[in-house]
């Protein structure tokens, strides 16, 4: 499940959503 979530990291939606997603 963690691998699937890593594949769907929002890299193209700005820095703040990207960092918040990775932190969570």
PDBML (XML) file of the C-alpha atoms, coordinates in Angstrom:
<?xml version="1.0" encoding="UTF-8" ?>
<PDBx:datablock datablockName="MODEL"
   xmlns:PDBx="http://pdbml.pdb.org/schema/pdbx-v50.xsd"
   xmlns:xsi="http://www.w3.org/2001/XMLSchema-instance"
   xsi:schemaLocation="http://pdbml.pdb.org/schema/pdbx-v50.xsd pdbx-v50.xsd">
   <PDBx:atom_siteCategory>
      <PDBx:atom_site id="1">
         <PDBx:B_iso_or_equiv>0.00</PDBx:B_iso_or_equiv>
         <PDBx:Cartn_x>0.000</PDBx:Cartn_x>
         <PDBx:Cartn_y>0.000</PDBx:Cartn_y>
         <PDBx:Cartn_z>0.000</PDBx:Cartn_z>
         <PDBx:auth_asym_id>A</PDBx:auth_asym_id>
         <PDBx:auth_atom_id>CA</PDBx:auth_atom_id>
         <PDBx:auth_comp_id>UNK</PDBx:auth_comp_id>
         <PDBx:auth_seq_id>1</PDBx:auth_seq_id>
         <PDBx:group_PDB>ATOM</PDBx:group_PDB>
         <PDBx:label_alt_id xsi:nil="true" />
         <PDBx:label_asym_id>A</PDBx:label_asym_id>
         <PDBx:label_atom_id>CA</PDBx:label_atom_id>
         <PDBx:label_comp_id>UNK</PDBx:label_comp_id>
         <PDBx:label_entity_id>1</PDBx:label_entity_id>
         <PDBx:label_seq_id>1</PDBx:label_seq_id>
         <PDBx:occupancy>1.00</PDBx:occupancy>
         <PDBx:pdbx_PDB_model_num>1</PDBx:pdbx_PDB_model_num>
         <PDBx:type_symbol>C</PDBx:type_symbol>
      </PDBx:atom_site>
      <PDBx:atom_site id="2">
         <PDBx:B_iso_or_equiv>0.00</PDBx:B_iso_or_equiv>
         <PDBx:Cartn_x>2.851</PDBx:Cartn_x>
         <PDBx:Cartn_y>2.382</PDBx:Cartn_y>
         <PDBx:Cartn_z>0.804</PDBx:Cartn_z>
         <PDBx:auth_asym_id>A</PDBx:auth_asym_id>
         <PDBx:auth_atom_id>CA</PDBx:auth_atom_id>
         <PDBx:auth_comp_id>UNK</PDBx:auth_comp_id>
         <PDBx:auth_seq_id>2</PDBx:auth_seq_id>
         <PDBx:group_PDB>ATOM</PDBx:group_PDB>
         <PDBx:label_alt_id xsi:nil="true" />
         <PDBx:label_asym_id>A</PDBx:label_asym_id>
         <PDBx:label_atom_id>CA</PDBx:label_atom_id>
         <PDBx:label_comp_id>UNK</PDBx:label_comp_id>
         <PDBx:label_entity_id>1</PDBx:label_entity_id>
         <PDBx:label_seq_id>2</PDBx:label_seq_id>
         <PDBx:occupancy>1.00</PDBx:occupancy>
         <PDBx:pdbx_PDB_model_num>1</PDBx:pdbx_PDB_model_num>
         <PDBx:type_symbol>C</PDBx:type_symbol>
      </PDBx:atom_site>
      <PDBx:atom_site id="3">
         <PDBx:B_iso_or_equiv>0.00</PDBx:B_iso_or_equiv>
         <PDBx:Cartn_x>4.407</PDBx:Cartn_x>
         <PDBx:Cartn_y>1.662</PDBx:Cartn_y>
         <PDBx:Cartn_z>-2.597</PDBx:Cartn_z>
         <PDBx:auth_asym_id>A</PDBx:auth_asym_id>
         <PDBx:auth_atom_id>CA</PDBx:auth_atom_id>
         <PDBx:auth_comp_id>UNK</PDBx:auth_comp_id>
         <PDBx:auth_seq_id>3</PDBx:auth_seq_id>
         <PDBx:group_PDB>ATOM</PDBx:group_PDB>
         <PDBx:label_alt_id xsi:nil="true" />
         <PDBx:label_asym_id>A</PDBx:label_asym_id>
         <PDBx:label_atom_id>CA</PDBx:label_atom_id>
         <PDBx:label_comp_id>UNK</PDBx:label_comp_id>
         <PDBx:label_entity_id>1</PDBx:label_entity_id>
         <PDBx:label_seq_id>3</PDBx:label_seq_id>
         <PDBx:occupancy>1.00</PDBx:occupancy>
         <PDBx:pdbx_PDB_model_num>1</PDBx:pdbx_PDB_model_num>
         <PDBx:type_symbol>C</PDBx:type_symbol>
      </PDBx:atom_site>
      <PDBx:atom_site id="4">
         <PDBx:B_iso_or_equiv>0.00</PDBx:B_iso_or_equiv>
         <PDBx:Cartn_x>1.124</PDBx:Cartn_x>
         <PDBx:Cartn_y>2.450</PDBx:Cartn_y>
         <PDBx:Cartn_z>-4.361</PDBx:Cartn_z>
         <PDBx:auth_asym_id>A</PDBx:auth_asym_id>
         <PDBx:auth_atom_id>CA</PDBx:auth_atom_id>
         <PDBx:auth_comp_id>UNK</PDBx:auth_comp_id>
         <PDBx:auth_seq_id>4</PDBx:auth_seq_id>
         <PDBx:group_PDB>ATOM</PDBx:group_PDB>
         <PDBx:label_alt_id xsi:nil="true" />
         <PDBx:label_asym_id>A</PDBx:label_asym_id>
         <PDBx:label_atom_id>CA</PDBx:label_atom_id>
         <PDBx:label_comp_id>UNK</PDBx:label_comp_id>
         <PDBx:label_entity_id>1</PDBx:label_entity_id>
         <PDBx:label_seq_id>4</PDBx:label_seq_id>
         <PDBx:occupancy>1.00</PDBx:occupancy>
         <PDBx:pdbx_PDB_model_num>1</PDBx:pdbx_PDB_model_num>
         <PDBx:type_symbol>C</PDBx:type_symbol>
      </PDBx:atom_site>
      <PDBx:atom_site id="5">
         <PDBx:B_iso_or_equiv>0.00</PDBx:B_iso_or_equiv>
         <PDBx:Cartn_x>0.837</PDBx:Cartn_x>
         <PDBx:Cartn_y>5.723</PDBx:Cartn_y>
         <PDBx:Cartn_z>-2.442</PDBx:Cartn_z>
         <PDBx:auth_asym_id>A</PDBx:auth_asym_id>
         <PDBx:auth_atom_id>CA</PDBx:auth_atom_id>
         <PDBx:auth_comp_id>UNK</PDBx:auth_comp_id>
         <PDBx:auth_seq_id>5</PDBx:auth_seq_id>
         <PDBx:group_PDB>ATOM</PDBx:group_PDB>
         <PDBx:label_alt_id xsi:nil="true" />
         <PDBx:label_asym_id>A</PDBx:label_asym_id>
         <PDBx:label_atom_id>CA</PDBx:label_atom_id>
         <PDBx:label_comp_id>UNK</PDBx:label_comp_id>
         <PDBx:label_entity_id>1</PDBx:label_entity_id>
         <PDBx:label_seq_id>5</PDBx:label_seq_id>
         <PDBx:occupancy>1.00</PDBx:occupancy>
         <PDBx:pdbx_PDB_model_num>1</PDBx:pdbx_PDB_model_num>
         <PDBx:type_symbol>C</PDBx:type_symbol>
      </PDBx:atom_site>
      <PDBx:atom_site id="6">
         <PDBx:B_iso_or_equiv>0.00</PDBx:B_iso_or_equiv>
         <PDBx:Cartn_x>4.404</PDBx:Cartn_x>
         <PDBx:Cartn_y>6.637</PDBx:Cartn_y>
         <PDBx:Cartn_z>-3.424</PDBx:Cartn_z>
         <PDBx:auth_asym_id>A</PDBx:auth_asym_id>
         <PDBx:auth_atom_id>CA</PDBx:auth_atom_id>
         <PDBx:auth_comp_id>UNK</PDBx:auth_comp_id>
         <PDBx:auth_seq_id>6</PDBx:auth_seq_id>
         <PDBx:group_PDB>ATOM</PDBx:group_PDB>
         <PDBx:label_alt_id xsi:nil="true" />
         <PDBx:label_asym_id>A</PDBx:label_asym_id>
         <PDBx:label_atom_id>CA</PDBx:label_atom_id>
         <PDBx:label_comp_id>UNK</PDBx:label_comp_id>
         <PDBx:label_entity_id>1</PDBx:label_entity_id>
         <PDBx:label_seq_id>6</PDBx:label_seq_id>
         <PDBx:occupancy>1.00</PDBx:occupancy>
         <PDBx:pdbx_PDB_model_num>1</PDBx:pdbx_PDB_model_num>
         <PDBx:type_symbol>C</PDBx:type_symbol>
      </PDBx:atom_site>
      <PDBx:atom_site id="7">
         <PDBx:B_iso_or_equiv>0.00</PDBx:B_iso_or_equiv>
         <PDBx:Cartn_x>3.541</PDBx:Cartn_x>
         <PDBx:Cartn_y>6.075</PDBx:Cartn_y>
         <PDBx:Cartn_z>-7.088</PDBx:Cartn_z>
         <PDBx:auth_asym_id>A</PDBx:auth_asym_id>
         <PDBx:auth_atom_id>CA</PDBx:auth_atom_id>
         <PDBx:auth_comp_id>UNK</PDBx:auth_comp_id>
         <PDBx:auth_seq_id>7</PDBx:auth_seq_id>
         <PDBx:group_PDB>ATOM</PDBx:group_PDB>
         <PDBx:label_alt_id xsi:nil="true" />
         <PDBx:label_asym_id>A</PDBx:label_asym_id>
         <PDBx:label_atom_id>CA</PDBx:label_atom_id>
         <PDBx:label_comp_id>UNK</PDBx:label_comp_id>
         <PDBx:label_entity_id>1</PDBx:label_entity_id>
         <PDBx:label_seq_id>7</PDBx:label_seq_id>
         <PDBx:occupancy>1.00</PDBx:occupancy>
         <PDBx:pdbx_PDB_model_num>1</PDBx:pdbx_PDB_model_num>
         <PDBx:type_symbol>C</PDBx:type_symbol>
      </PDBx:atom_site>
      <PDBx:atom_site id="8">
         <PDBx:B_iso_or_equiv>0.00</PDBx:B_iso_or_equiv>
         <PDBx:Cartn_x>0.641</PDBx:Cartn_x>
         <PDBx:Cartn_y>8.540</PDBx:Cartn_y>
         <PDBx:Cartn_z>-6.786</PDBx:Cartn_z>
         <PDBx:auth_asym_id>A</PDBx:auth_asym_id>
         <PDBx:auth_atom_id>CA</PDBx:auth_atom_id>
         <PDBx:auth_comp_id>UNK</PDBx:auth_comp_id>
         <PDBx:auth_seq_id>8</PDBx:auth_seq_id>
         <PDBx:group_PDB>ATOM</PDBx:group_PDB>
         <PDBx:label_alt_id xsi:nil="true" />
         <PDBx:label_asym_id>A</PDBx:label_asym_id>
         <PDBx:label_atom_id>CA</PDBx:label_atom_id>
         <PDBx:label_comp_id>UNK</PDBx:label_comp_id>
         <PDBx:label_entity_id>1</PDBx:label_entity_id>
         <PDBx:label_seq_id>8</PDBx:label_seq_id>
         <PDBx:occupancy>1.00</PDBx:occupancy>
         <PDBx:pdbx_PDB_model_num>1</PDBx:pdbx_PDB_model_num>
         <PDBx:type_symbol>C</PDBx:type_symbol>
      </PDBx:atom_site>
      <PDBx:atom_site id="9">
         <PDBx:B_iso_or_equiv>0.00</PDBx:B_iso_or_equiv>
         <PDBx:Cartn_x>2.646</PDBx:Cartn_x>
         <PDBx:Cartn_y>11.362</PDBx:Cartn_y>
         <PDBx:Cartn_z>-5.180</PDBx:Cartn_z>
         <PDBx:auth_asym_id>A</PDBx:auth_asym_id>
         <PDBx:auth_atom_id>CA</PDBx:auth_atom_id>
         <PDBx:auth_comp_id>UNK</PDBx:auth_comp_id>
         <PDBx:auth_seq_id>9</PDBx:auth_seq_id>
         <PDBx:group_PDB>ATOM</PDBx:group_PDB>
         <PDBx:label_alt_id xsi:nil="true" />
         <PDBx:label_asym_id>A</PDBx:label_asym_id>
         <PDBx:label_atom_id>CA</PDBx:label_atom_id>
         <PDBx:label_comp_id>UNK</PDBx:label_comp_id>
         <PDBx:label_entity_id>1</PDBx:label_entity_id>
         <PDBx:label_seq_id>9</PDBx:label_seq_id>
         <PDBx:occupancy>1.00</PDBx:occupancy>
         <PDBx:pdbx_PDB_model_num>1</PDBx:pdbx_PDB_model_num>
         <PDBx:type_symbol>C</PDBx:type_symbol>
      </PDBx:atom_site>
      <PDBx:atom_site id="10">
         <PDBx:B_iso_or_equiv>0.00</PDBx:B_iso_or_equiv>
         <PDBx:Cartn_x>1.235</PDBx:Cartn_x>
         <PDBx:Cartn_y>14.696</PDBx:Cartn_y>
         <PDBx:Cartn_z>-6.497</PDBx:Cartn_z>
         <PDBx:auth_asym_id>A</PDBx:auth_asym_id>
         <PDBx:auth_atom_id>CA</PDBx:auth_atom_id>
         <PDBx:auth_comp_id>UNK</PDBx:auth_comp_id>
         <PDBx:auth_seq_id>10</PDBx:auth_seq_id>
         <PDBx:group_PDB>ATOM</PDBx:group_PDB>
         <PDBx:label_alt_id xsi:nil="true" />
         <PDBx:label_asym_id>A</PDBx:label_asym_id>
         <PDBx:label_atom_id>CA</PDBx:label_atom_id>
         <PDBx:label_comp_id>UNK</PDBx:label_comp_id>
         <PDBx:label_entity_id>1</PDBx:label_entity_id>
         <PDBx:label_seq_id>10</PDBx:label_seq_id>
         <PDBx:occupancy>1.00</PDBx:occupancy>
         <PDBx:pdbx_PDB_model_num>1</PDBx:pdbx_PDB_model_num>
         <PDBx:type_symbol>C</PDBx:type_symbol>
      </PDBx:atom_site>
      <PDBx:atom_site id="11">
         <PDBx:B_iso_or_equiv>0.00</PDBx:B_iso_or_equiv>
         <PDBx:Cartn_x>4.443</PDBx:Cartn_x>
         <PDBx:Cartn_y>16.012</PDBx:Cartn_y>
         <PDBx:Cartn_z>-8.077</PDBx:Cartn_z>
         <PDBx:auth_asym_id>A</PDBx:auth_asym_id>
         <PDBx:auth_atom_id>CA</PDBx:auth_atom_id>
         <PDBx:auth_comp_id>UNK</PDBx:auth_comp_id>
         <PDBx:auth_seq_id>11</PDBx:auth_seq_id>
         <PDBx:group_PDB>ATOM</PDBx:group_PDB>
         <PDBx:label_alt_id xsi:nil="true" />
         <PDBx:label_asym_id>A</PDBx:label_asym_id>
         <PDBx:label_atom_id>CA</PDBx:label_atom_id>
         <PDBx:label_comp_id>UNK</PDBx:label_comp_id>
         <PDBx:label_entity_id>1</PDBx:label_entity_id>
         <PDBx:label_seq_id>11</PDBx:label_seq_id>
         <PDBx:occupancy>1.00</PDBx:occupancy>
         <PDBx:pdbx_PDB_model_num>1</PDBx:pdbx_PDB_model_num>
         <PDBx:type_symbol>C</PDBx:type_symbol>
      </PDBx:atom_site>
      <PDBx:atom_site id="12">
         <PDBx:B_iso_or_equiv>0.00</PDBx:B_iso_or_equiv>
         <PDBx:Cartn_x>2.699</PDBx:Cartn_x>
         <PDBx:Cartn_y>18.334</PDBx:Cartn_y>
         <PDBx:Cartn_z>-10.550</PDBx:Cartn_z>
         <PDBx:auth_asym_id>A</PDBx:auth_asym_id>
         <PDBx:auth_atom_id>CA</PDBx:auth_atom_id>
         <PDBx:auth_comp_id>UNK</PDBx:auth_comp_id>
         <PDBx:auth_seq_id>12</PDBx:auth_seq_id>
         <PDBx:group_PDB>ATOM</PDBx:group_PDB>
         <PDBx:label_alt_id xsi:nil="true" />
         <PDBx:label_asym_id>A</PDBx:label_asym_id>
         <PDBx:label_atom_id>CA</PDBx:label_atom_id>
         <PDBx:label_comp_id>UNK</PDBx:label_comp_id>
         <PDBx:label_entity_id>1</PDBx:label_entity_id>
         <PDBx:label_seq_id>12</PDBx:label_seq_id>
         <PDBx:occupancy>1.00</PDBx:occupancy>
         <PDBx:pdbx_PDB_model_num>1</PDBx:pdbx_PDB_model_num>
         <PDBx:type_symbol>C</PDBx:type_symbol>
      </PDBx:atom_site>
      <PDBx:atom_site id="13">
         <PDBx:B_iso_or_equiv>0.00</PDBx:B_iso_or_equiv>
         <PDBx:Cartn_x>0.400</PDBx:Cartn_x>
         <PDBx:Cartn_y>20.216</PDBx:Cartn_y>
         <PDBx:Cartn_z>-8.146</PDBx:Cartn_z>
         <PDBx:auth_asym_id>A</PDBx:auth_asym_id>
         <PDBx:auth_atom_id>CA</PDBx:auth_atom_id>
         <PDBx:auth_comp_id>UNK</PDBx:auth_comp_id>
         <PDBx:auth_seq_id>13</PDBx:auth_seq_id>
         <PDBx:group_PDB>ATOM</PDBx:group_PDB>
         <PDBx:label_alt_id xsi:nil="true" />
         <PDBx:label_asym_id>A</PDBx:label_asym_id>
         <PDBx:label_atom_id>CA</PDBx:label_atom_id>
         <PDBx:label_comp_id>UNK</PDBx:label_comp_id>
         <PDBx:label_entity_id>1</PDBx:label_entity_id>
         <PDBx:label_seq_id>13</PDBx:label_seq_id>
         <PDBx:occupancy>1.00</PDBx:occupancy>
         <PDBx:pdbx_PDB_model_num>1</PDBx:pdbx_PDB_model_num>
         <PDBx:type_symbol>C</PDBx:type_symbol>
      </PDBx:atom_site>
      <PDBx:atom_site id="14">
         <PDBx:B_iso_or_equiv>0.00</PDBx:B_iso_or_equiv>
         <PDBx:Cartn_x>2.816</PDBx:Cartn_x>
         <PDBx:Cartn_y>22.645</PDBx:Cartn_y>
         <PDBx:Cartn_z>-6.541</PDBx:Cartn_z>
         <PDBx:auth_asym_id>A</PDBx:auth_asym_id>
         <PDBx:auth_atom_id>CA</PDBx:auth_atom_id>
         <PDBx:auth_comp_id>UNK</PDBx:auth_comp_id>
         <PDBx:auth_seq_id>14</PDBx:auth_seq_id>
         <PDBx:group_PDB>ATOM</PDBx:group_PDB>
         <PDBx:label_alt_id xsi:nil="true" />
         <PDBx:label_asym_id>A</PDBx:label_asym_id>
         <PDBx:label_atom_id>CA</PDBx:label_atom_id>
         <PDBx:label_comp_id>UNK</PDBx:label_comp_id>
         <PDBx:label_entity_id>1</PDBx:label_entity_id>
         <PDBx:label_seq_id>14</PDBx:label_seq_id>
         <PDBx:occupancy>1.00</PDBx:occupancy>
         <PDBx:pdbx_PDB_model_num>1</PDBx:pdbx_PDB_model_num>
         <PDBx:type_symbol>C</PDBx:type_symbol>
      </PDBx:atom_site>
      <PDBx:atom_site id="15">
         <PDBx:B_iso_or_equiv>0.00</PDBx:B_iso_or_equiv>
         <PDBx:Cartn_x>5.352</PDBx:Cartn_x>
         <PDBx:Cartn_y>22.446</PDBx:Cartn_y>
         <PDBx:Cartn_z>-3.748</PDBx:Cartn_z>
         <PDBx:auth_asym_id>A</PDBx:auth_asym_id>
         <PDBx:auth_atom_id>CA</PDBx:auth_atom_id>
         <PDBx:auth_comp_id>UNK</PDBx:auth_comp_id>
         <PDBx:auth_seq_id>15</PDBx:auth_seq_id>
         <PDBx:group_PDB>ATOM</PDBx:group_PDB>
         <PDBx:label_alt_id xsi:nil="true" />
         <PDBx:label_asym_id>A</PDBx:label_asym_id>
         <PDBx:label_atom_id>CA</PDBx:label_atom_id>
         <PDBx:label_comp_id>UNK</PDBx:label_comp_id>
         <PDBx:label_entity_id>1</PDBx:label_entity_id>
         <PDBx:label_seq_id>15</PDBx:label_seq_id>
         <PDBx:occupancy>1.00</PDBx:occupancy>
         <PDBx:pdbx_PDB_model_num>1</PDBx:pdbx_PDB_model_num>
         <PDBx:type_symbol>C</PDBx:type_symbol>
      </PDBx:atom_site>
      <PDBx:atom_site id="16">
         <PDBx:B_iso_or_equiv>0.00</PDBx:B_iso_or_equiv>
         <PDBx:Cartn_x>2.998</PDBx:Cartn_x>
         <PDBx:Cartn_y>22.732</PDBx:Cartn_y>
         <PDBx:Cartn_z>-0.749</PDBx:Cartn_z>
         <PDBx:auth_asym_id>A</PDBx:auth_asym_id>
         <PDBx:auth_atom_id>CA</PDBx:auth_atom_id>
         <PDBx:auth_comp_id>UNK</PDBx:auth_comp_id>
         <PDBx:auth_seq_id>16</PDBx:auth_seq_id>
         <PDBx:group_PDB>ATOM</PDBx:group_PDB>
         <PDBx:label_alt_id xsi:nil="true" />
         <PDBx:label_asym_id>A</PDBx:label_asym_id>
         <PDBx:label_atom_id>CA</PDBx:label_atom_id>
         <PDBx:label_comp_id>UNK</PDBx:label_comp_id>
         <PDBx:label_entity_id>1</PDBx:label_entity_id>
         <PDBx:label_seq_id>16</PDBx:label_seq_id>
         <PDBx:occupancy>1.00</PDBx:occupancy>
         <PDBx:pdbx_PDB_model_num>1</PDBx:pdbx_PDB_model_num>
         <PDBx:type_symbol>C</PDBx:type_symbol>
      </PDBx:atom_site>
      <PDBx:atom_site id="17">
         <PDBx:B_iso_or_equiv>0.00</PDBx:B_iso_or_equiv>
         <PDBx:Cartn_x>0.613</PDBx:Cartn_x>
         <PDBx:Cartn_y>19.854</PDBx:Cartn_y>
         <PDBx:Cartn_z>-1.676</PDBx:Cartn_z>
         <PDBx:auth_asym_id>A</PDBx:auth_asym_id>
         <PDBx:auth_atom_id>CA</PDBx:auth_atom_id>
         <PDBx:auth_comp_id>UNK</PDBx:auth_comp_id>
         <PDBx:auth_seq_id>17</PDBx:auth_seq_id>
         <PDBx:group_PDB>ATOM</PDBx:group_PDB>
         <PDBx:label_alt_id xsi:nil="true" />
         <PDBx:label_asym_id>A</PDBx:label_asym_id>
         <PDBx:label_atom_id>CA</PDBx:label_atom_id>
         <PDBx:label_comp_id>UNK</PDBx:label_comp_id>
         <PDBx:label_entity_id>1</PDBx:label_entity_id>
         <PDBx:label_seq_id>17</PDBx:label_seq_id>
         <PDBx:occupancy>1.00</PDBx:occupancy>
         <PDBx:pdbx_PDB_model_num>1</PDBx:pdbx_PDB_model_num>
         <PDBx:type_symbol>C</PDBx:type_symbol>
      </PDBx:atom_site>
      <PDBx:atom_site id="18">
         <PDBx:B_iso_or_equiv>0.00</PDBx:B_iso_or_equiv>
         <PDBx:Cartn_x>3.634</PDBx:Cartn_x>
         <PDBx:Cartn_y>17.718</PDBx:Cartn_y>
         <PDBx:Cartn_z>-2.539</PDBx:Cartn_z>
         <PDBx:auth_asym_id>A</PDBx:auth_asym_id>
         <PDBx:auth_atom_id>CA</PDBx:auth_atom_id>
         <PDBx:auth_comp_id>UNK</PDBx:auth_comp_id>
         <PDBx:auth_seq_id>18</PDBx:auth_seq_id>
         <PDBx:group_PDB>ATOM</PDBx:group_PDB>
         <PDBx:label_alt_id xsi:nil="true" />
         <PDBx:label_asym_id>A</PDBx:label_asym_id>
         <PDBx:label_atom_id>CA</PDBx:label_atom_id>
         <PDBx:label_comp_id>UNK</PDBx:label_comp_id>
         <PDBx:label_entity_id>1</PDBx:label_entity_id>
         <PDBx:label_seq_id>18</PDBx:label_seq_id>
         <PDBx:occupancy>1.00</PDBx:occupancy>
         <PDBx:pdbx_PDB_model_num>1</PDBx:pdbx_PDB_model_num>
         <PDBx:type_symbol>C</PDBx:type_symbol>
      </PDBx:atom_site>
      <PDBx:atom_site id="19">
         <PDBx:B_iso_or_equiv>0.00</PDBx:B_iso_or_equiv>
         <PDBx:Cartn_x>5.347</PDBx:Cartn_x>
         <PDBx:Cartn_y>18.309</PDBx:Cartn_y>
         <PDBx:Cartn_z>0.813</PDBx:Cartn_z>
         <PDBx:auth_asym_id>A</PDBx:auth_asym_id>
         <PDBx:auth_atom_id>CA</PDBx:auth_atom_id>
         <PDBx:auth_comp_id>UNK</PDBx:auth_comp_id>
         <PDBx:auth_seq_id>19</PDBx:auth_seq_id>
         <PDBx:group_PDB>ATOM</PDBx:group_PDB>
         <PDBx:label_alt_id xsi:nil="true" />
         <PDBx:label_asym_id>A</PDBx:label_asym_id>
         <PDBx:label_atom_id>CA</PDBx:label_atom_id>
         <PDBx:label_comp_id>UNK</PDBx:label_comp_id>
         <PDBx:label_entity_id>1</PDBx:label_entity_id>
         <PDBx:label_seq_id>19</PDBx:label_seq_id>
         <PDBx:occupancy>1.00</PDBx:occupancy>
         <PDBx:pdbx_PDB_model_num>1</PDBx:pdbx_PDB_model_num>
         <PDBx:type_symbol>C</PDBx:type_symbol>
      </PDBx:atom_site>
      <PDBx:atom_site id="20">
         <PDBx:B_iso_or_equiv>0.00</PDBx:B_iso_or_equiv>
         <PDBx:Cartn_x>2.103</PDBx:Cartn_x>
         <PDBx:Cartn_y>17.923</PDBx:Cartn_y>
         <PDBx:Cartn_z>2.791</PDBx:Cartn_z>
         <PDBx:auth_asym_id>A</PDBx:auth_asym_id>
         <PDBx:auth_atom_id>CA</PDBx:auth_atom_id>
         <PDBx:auth_comp_id>UNK</PDBx:auth_comp_id>
         <PDBx:auth_seq_id>20</PDBx:auth_seq_id>
         <PDBx:group_PDB>ATOM</PDBx:group_PDB>
         <PDBx:label_alt_id xsi:nil="true" />
         <PDBx:label_asym_id>A</PDBx:label_asym_id>
         <PDBx:label_atom_id>CA</PDBx:label_atom_id>
         <PDBx:label_comp_id>UNK</PDBx:label_comp_id>
         <PDBx:label_entity_id>1</PDBx:label_entity_id>
         <PDBx:label_seq_id>20</PDBx:label_seq_id>
         <PDBx:occupancy>1.00</PDBx:occupancy>
         <PDBx:pdbx_PDB_model_num>1</PDBx:pdbx_PDB_model_num>
         <PDBx:type_symbol>C</PDBx:type_symbol>
      </PDBx:atom_site>
      <PDBx:atom_site id="21">
         <PDBx:B_iso_or_equiv>0.00</PDBx:B_iso_or_equiv>
         <PDBx:Cartn_x>1.389</PDBx:Cartn_x>
         <PDBx:Cartn_y>14.617</PDBx:Cartn_y>
         <PDBx:Cartn_z>1.035</PDBx:Cartn_z>
         <PDBx:auth_asym_id>A</PDBx:auth_asym_id>
         <PDBx:auth_atom_id>CA</PDBx:auth_atom_id>
         <PDBx:auth_comp_id>UNK</PDBx:auth_comp_id>
         <PDBx:auth_seq_id>21</PDBx:auth_seq_id>
         <PDBx:group_PDB>ATOM</PDBx:group_PDB>
         <PDBx:label_alt_id xsi:nil="true" />
         <PDBx:label_asym_id>A</PDBx:label_asym_id>
         <PDBx:label_atom_id>CA</PDBx:label_atom_id>
         <PDBx:label_comp_id>UNK</PDBx:label_comp_id>
         <PDBx:label_entity_id>1</PDBx:label_entity_id>
         <PDBx:label_seq_id>21</PDBx:label_seq_id>
         <PDBx:occupancy>1.00</PDBx:occupancy>
         <PDBx:pdbx_PDB_model_num>1</PDBx:pdbx_PDB_model_num>
         <PDBx:type_symbol>C</PDBx:type_symbol>
      </PDBx:atom_site>
      <PDBx:atom_site id="22">
         <PDBx:B_iso_or_equiv>0.00</PDBx:B_iso_or_equiv>
         <PDBx:Cartn_x>4.867</PDBx:Cartn_x>
         <PDBx:Cartn_y>13.266</PDBx:Cartn_y>
         <PDBx:Cartn_z>1.738</PDBx:Cartn_z>
         <PDBx:auth_asym_id>A</PDBx:auth_asym_id>
         <PDBx:auth_atom_id>CA</PDBx:auth_atom_id>
         <PDBx:auth_comp_id>UNK</PDBx:auth_comp_id>
         <PDBx:auth_seq_id>22</PDBx:auth_seq_id>
         <PDBx:group_PDB>ATOM</PDBx:group_PDB>
         <PDBx:label_alt_id xsi:nil="true" />
         <PDBx:label_asym_id>A</PDBx:label_asym_id>
         <PDBx:label_atom_id>CA</PDBx:label_atom_id>
         <PDBx:label_comp_id>UNK</PDBx:label_comp_id>
         <PDBx:label_entity_id>1</PDBx:label_entity_id>
         <PDBx:label_seq_id>22</PDBx:label_seq_id>
         <PDBx:occupancy>1.00</PDBx:occupancy>
         <PDBx:pdbx_PDB_model_num>1</PDBx:pdbx_PDB_model_num>
         <PDBx:type_symbol>C</PDBx:type_symbol>
      </PDBx:atom_site>
      <PDBx:atom_site id="23">
         <PDBx:B_iso_or_equiv>0.00</PDBx:B_iso_or_equiv>
         <PDBx:Cartn_x>4.758</PDBx:Cartn_x>
         <PDBx:Cartn_y>14.367</PDBx:Cartn_y>
         <PDBx:Cartn_z>5.378</PDBx:Cartn_z>
         <PDBx:auth_asym_id>A</PDBx:auth_asym_id>
         <PDBx:auth_atom_id>CA</PDBx:auth_atom_id>
         <PDBx:auth_comp_id>UNK</PDBx:auth_comp_id>
         <PDBx:auth_seq_id>23</PDBx:auth_seq_id>
         <PDBx:group_PDB>ATOM</PDBx:group_PDB>
         <PDBx:label_alt_id xsi:nil="true" />
         <PDBx:label_asym_id>A</PDBx:label_asym_id>
         <PDBx:label_atom_id>CA</PDBx:label_atom_id>
         <PDBx:label_comp_id>UNK</PDBx:label_comp_id>
         <PDBx:label_entity_id>1</PDBx:label_entity_id>
         <PDBx:label_seq_id>23</PDBx:label_seq_id>
         <PDBx:occupancy>1.00</PDBx:occupancy>
         <PDBx:pdbx_PDB_model_num>1</PDBx:pdbx_PDB_model_num>
         <PDBx:type_symbol>C</PDBx:type_symbol>
      </PDBx:atom_site>
      <PDBx:atom_site id="24">
         <PDBx:B_iso_or_equiv>0.00</PDBx:B_iso_or_equiv>
         <PDBx:Cartn_x>1.357</PDBx:Cartn_x>
         <PDBx:Cartn_y>12.704</PDBx:Cartn_y>
         <PDBx:Cartn_z>5.897</PDBx:Cartn_z>
         <PDBx:auth_asym_id>A</PDBx:auth_asym_id>
         <PDBx:auth_atom_id>CA</PDBx:auth_atom_id>
         <PDBx:auth_comp_id>UNK</PDBx:auth_comp_id>
         <PDBx:auth_seq_id>24</PDBx:auth_seq_id>
         <PDBx:group_PDB>ATOM</PDBx:group_PDB>
         <PDBx:label_alt_id xsi:nil="true" />
         <PDBx:label_asym_id>A</PDBx:label_asym_id>
         <PDBx:label_atom_id>CA</PDBx:label_atom_id>
         <PDBx:label_comp_id>UNK</PDBx:label_comp_id>
         <PDBx:label_entity_id>1</PDBx:label_entity_id>
         <PDBx:label_seq_id>24</PDBx:label_seq_id>
         <PDBx:occupancy>1.00</PDBx:occupancy>
         <PDBx:pdbx_PDB_model_num>1</PDBx:pdbx_PDB_model_num>
         <PDBx:type_symbol>C</PDBx:type_symbol>
      </PDBx:atom_site>
   </PDBx:atom_siteCategory>
</PDBx:datablock>
